C-alpha cells in the first residue's frame, strides 16, 4: 500500500473517531438523545475530510522536496 493511502486511512480513522466521540460526549452532556447515525455521519464526514487534507499536504511537501533535489 502506498504511503499516501496509509496516511489517508490513519488520519481518517483517528480524526473521525475522536471527533465523533467528542460530539457524542457533547450531546450526552447536553442531555440530547444518542443517535448512532449521527455518530456515523460525524465519523465519516470529518474523518474523510481530514484524511483528504492530510494526504494533500503530504503530497505537496513530497513534491517540494522532490523539486529541491
N, C-alpha and C. Protein backbone atom coordinates (compact mmCIF):
# COMPACT_ATOMS: atom_id res chain seq x y z
N UNK A 1 0.85 -1.17 0.00
CA UNK A 1 0.00 0.00 0.00
C UNK A 1 0.90 1.24 0.00
N UNK A 2 0.53 2.22 -0.80
CA UNK A 2 1.31 3.44 -0.88
C UNK A 2 1.22 4.21 0.43
N UNK A 3 2.28 4.97 0.69
CA UNK A 3 2.32 5.75 1.93
C UNK A 3 1.20 6.80 1.97
N UNK A 4 0.86 7.37 0.81
CA UNK A 4 -0.21 8.37 0.76
C UNK A 4 -1.54 7.77 1.24
N UNK A 5 -1.81 6.54 0.83
CA UNK A 5 -3.06 5.89 1.22
C UNK A 5 -3.06 5.52 2.70
N UNK A 6 -1.89 5.12 3.22
CA UNK A 6 -1.81 4.82 4.66
C UNK A 6 -2.06 6.08 5.48
N UNK A 7 -1.53 7.21 5.03
CA UNK A 7 -1.75 8.47 5.74
C UNK A 7 -3.22 8.83 5.72
N UNK A 8 -3.86 8.67 4.56
CA UNK A 8 -5.29 8.96 4.46
C UNK A 8 -6.10 8.08 5.42
N UNK A 9 -5.83 6.79 5.45
CA UNK A 9 -6.59 5.88 6.29
C UNK A 9 -6.34 6.12 7.78
N UNK A 10 -5.08 6.33 8.15
CA UNK A 10 -4.77 6.59 9.56
C UNK A 10 -5.46 7.85 10.04
N UNK A 11 -5.36 8.90 9.26
CA UNK A 11 -5.99 10.17 9.64
C UNK A 11 -7.49 10.04 9.64
N UNK A 12 -8.04 9.34 8.66
CA UNK A 12 -9.48 9.12 8.59
C UNK A 12 -10.00 8.48 9.87
N UNK A 13 -9.37 7.39 10.28
CA UNK A 13 -9.86 6.68 11.46
C UNK A 13 -9.60 7.43 12.75
N UNK A 14 -8.41 7.98 12.92
CA UNK A 14 -8.12 8.65 14.20
C UNK A 14 -8.90 9.94 14.35
N UNK A 15 -8.88 10.79 13.35
CA UNK A 15 -9.61 12.07 13.46
C UNK A 15 -11.11 11.83 13.51
N UNK A 16 -11.59 10.90 12.71
CA UNK A 16 -13.02 10.62 12.68
C UNK A 16 -13.54 10.08 14.00
N UNK A 17 -12.81 9.15 14.60
CA UNK A 17 -13.29 8.55 15.84
C UNK A 17 -13.21 9.54 16.99
N UNK A 18 -12.15 10.35 17.04
CA UNK A 18 -12.05 11.34 18.11
C UNK A 18 -13.14 12.41 17.99
N UNK A 19 -13.39 12.87 16.78
CA UNK A 19 -14.42 13.89 16.59
C UNK A 19 -15.80 13.32 16.90
N UNK A 20 -16.08 12.13 16.41
CA UNK A 20 -17.39 11.52 16.65
C UNK A 20 -17.60 11.26 18.14
N UNK A 21 -16.57 10.79 18.84
CA UNK A 21 -16.70 10.58 20.28
C UNK A 21 -16.88 11.90 21.01
N UNK A 22 -16.16 12.91 20.58
CA UNK A 22 -16.32 14.23 21.19
C UNK A 22 -17.72 14.79 21.00
N UNK A 23 -18.26 14.62 19.83
CA UNK A 23 -19.62 15.11 19.58
C UNK A 23 -20.65 14.28 20.34
N UNK A 24 -20.42 12.98 20.48
CA UNK A 24 -21.32 12.14 21.26
C UNK A 24 -21.27 12.54 22.74
N UNK A 25 -20.07 12.84 23.23
CA UNK A 25 -19.92 13.29 24.61
C UNK A 25 -20.59 14.63 24.82
N UNK A 26 -20.44 15.52 23.88
CA UNK A 26 -21.09 16.83 23.95
C UNK A 26 -22.61 16.67 23.99
N UNK A 27 -23.14 15.80 23.16
CA UNK A 27 -24.58 15.54 23.16
C UNK A 27 -25.03 14.92 24.46
N UNK A 28 -24.23 14.03 25.00
CA UNK A 28 -24.56 13.40 26.28
C UNK A 28 -24.60 14.43 27.40
N UNK A 29 -23.64 15.33 27.42
CA UNK A 29 -23.59 16.36 28.47
C UNK A 29 -24.73 17.36 28.34
N UNK A 30 -25.23 17.56 27.13
CA UNK A 30 -26.38 18.45 26.91
C UNK A 30 -27.70 17.70 27.00
N UNK A 31 -27.63 16.44 27.39
CA UNK A 31 -28.79 15.57 27.56
C UNK A 31 -29.60 15.39 26.29
N UNK A 32 -28.91 15.36 25.15
CA UNK A 32 -29.57 15.04 23.89
C UNK A 32 -29.65 13.52 23.76
N UNK A 33 -30.49 13.06 22.87
CA UNK A 33 -30.58 11.63 22.60
C UNK A 33 -29.35 11.19 21.82
N UNK A 34 -28.85 10.01 22.15
CA UNK A 34 -27.71 9.44 21.42
C UNK A 34 -28.25 8.74 20.18
N UNK A 35 -27.81 9.19 19.04
CA UNK A 35 -28.24 8.59 17.78
C UNK A 35 -27.01 8.03 17.05
N UNK A 36 -27.07 6.76 16.74
CA UNK A 36 -25.93 6.10 16.09
C UNK A 36 -25.66 6.68 14.71
N UNK A 37 -26.70 7.09 13.99
CA UNK A 37 -26.48 7.64 12.66
C UNK A 37 -25.72 8.96 12.73
N UNK A 38 -25.93 9.75 13.80
CA UNK A 38 -25.17 10.98 13.97
C UNK A 38 -23.69 10.66 14.18
N UNK A 39 -23.42 9.64 14.98
CA UNK A 39 -22.06 9.22 15.25
C UNK A 39 -21.38 8.79 13.95
N UNK A 40 -22.06 8.00 13.15
CA UNK A 40 -21.50 7.50 11.89
C UNK A 40 -21.27 8.65 10.91
N UNK A 41 -22.22 9.57 10.81
CA UNK A 41 -22.07 10.72 9.91
C UNK A 41 -20.88 11.58 10.33
N UNK A 42 -20.77 11.87 11.64
CA UNK A 42 -19.64 12.65 12.12
C UNK A 42 -18.33 11.93 11.84
N UNK A 43 -18.30 10.64 12.09
CA UNK A 43 -17.09 9.85 11.86
C UNK A 43 -16.67 9.90 10.40
N UNK A 44 -17.59 9.64 9.51
CA UNK A 44 -17.26 9.56 8.08
C UNK A 44 -16.91 10.93 7.51
N UNK A 45 -17.76 11.92 7.73
CA UNK A 45 -17.54 13.22 7.11
C UNK A 45 -16.28 13.90 7.63
N UNK A 46 -16.12 13.97 8.95
CA UNK A 46 -14.94 14.64 9.49
C UNK A 46 -13.68 13.83 9.19
N UNK A 47 -13.75 12.52 9.37
CA UNK A 47 -12.58 11.69 9.11
C UNK A 47 -12.13 11.75 7.67
N UNK A 48 -13.07 11.69 6.76
CA UNK A 48 -12.73 11.74 5.34
C UNK A 48 -12.14 13.10 4.96
N UNK A 49 -12.73 14.16 5.47
CA UNK A 49 -12.22 15.50 5.20
C UNK A 49 -10.78 15.64 5.70
N UNK A 50 -10.54 15.24 6.93
CA UNK A 50 -9.20 15.37 7.49
C UNK A 50 -8.21 14.44 6.79
N UNK A 51 -8.66 13.26 6.39
CA UNK A 51 -7.79 12.33 5.67
C UNK A 51 -7.37 12.87 4.32
N UNK A 52 -8.31 13.45 3.60
CA UNK A 52 -8.00 14.02 2.28
C UNK A 52 -7.05 15.20 2.43
N UNK A 53 -7.28 16.04 3.43
CA UNK A 53 -6.39 17.18 3.65
C UNK A 53 -4.98 16.71 4.04
N UNK A 54 -4.89 15.71 4.89
CA UNK A 54 -3.57 15.20 5.30
C UNK A 54 -2.83 14.62 4.10
N UNK A 55 -3.54 13.91 3.25
CA UNK A 55 -2.90 13.33 2.06
C UNK A 55 -2.44 14.43 1.11
N UNK A 56 -3.27 15.45 0.94
CA UNK A 56 -2.92 16.56 0.06
C UNK A 56 -1.68 17.31 0.57
N UNK A 57 -1.63 17.54 1.88
CA UNK A 57 -0.48 18.22 2.48
C UNK A 57 0.78 17.37 2.33
N UNK A 58 0.65 16.05 2.55
CA UNK A 58 1.80 15.15 2.39
C UNK A 58 2.32 15.18 0.96
N UNK A 59 1.43 15.11 -0.01
CA UNK A 59 1.86 15.11 -1.41
C UNK A 59 2.51 16.44 -1.78
N UNK A 60 1.99 17.53 -1.25
CA UNK A 60 2.57 18.85 -1.54
C UNK A 60 3.98 18.94 -0.98
N UNK A 61 4.18 18.48 0.26
CA UNK A 61 5.52 18.50 0.85
C UNK A 61 6.47 17.56 0.11
N UNK A 62 5.95 16.41 -0.30
CA UNK A 62 6.77 15.45 -1.04
C UNK A 62 7.22 16.06 -2.37
N UNK A 63 6.32 16.75 -3.07
CA UNK A 63 6.68 17.38 -4.35
C UNK A 63 7.68 18.50 -4.15
N UNK A 64 7.58 19.25 -3.04
CA UNK A 64 8.54 20.32 -2.77
C UNK A 64 9.93 19.74 -2.53
N UNK A 65 10.00 18.64 -1.79
CA UNK A 65 11.29 18.00 -1.52
C UNK A 65 11.87 17.44 -2.80
N UNK A 66 11.02 16.82 -3.62
CA UNK A 66 11.50 16.24 -4.89
C UNK A 66 11.98 17.34 -5.85
N UNK A 67 11.33 18.48 -5.86
CA UNK A 67 11.74 19.56 -6.77
C UNK A 67 13.02 20.24 -6.30
N UNK A 68 13.31 20.18 -5.00
CA UNK A 68 14.55 20.77 -4.48
C UNK A 68 15.77 19.90 -4.78
N UNK A 69 15.56 18.64 -5.03
CA UNK A 69 16.70 17.74 -5.32
C UNK A 69 17.20 17.88 -6.69
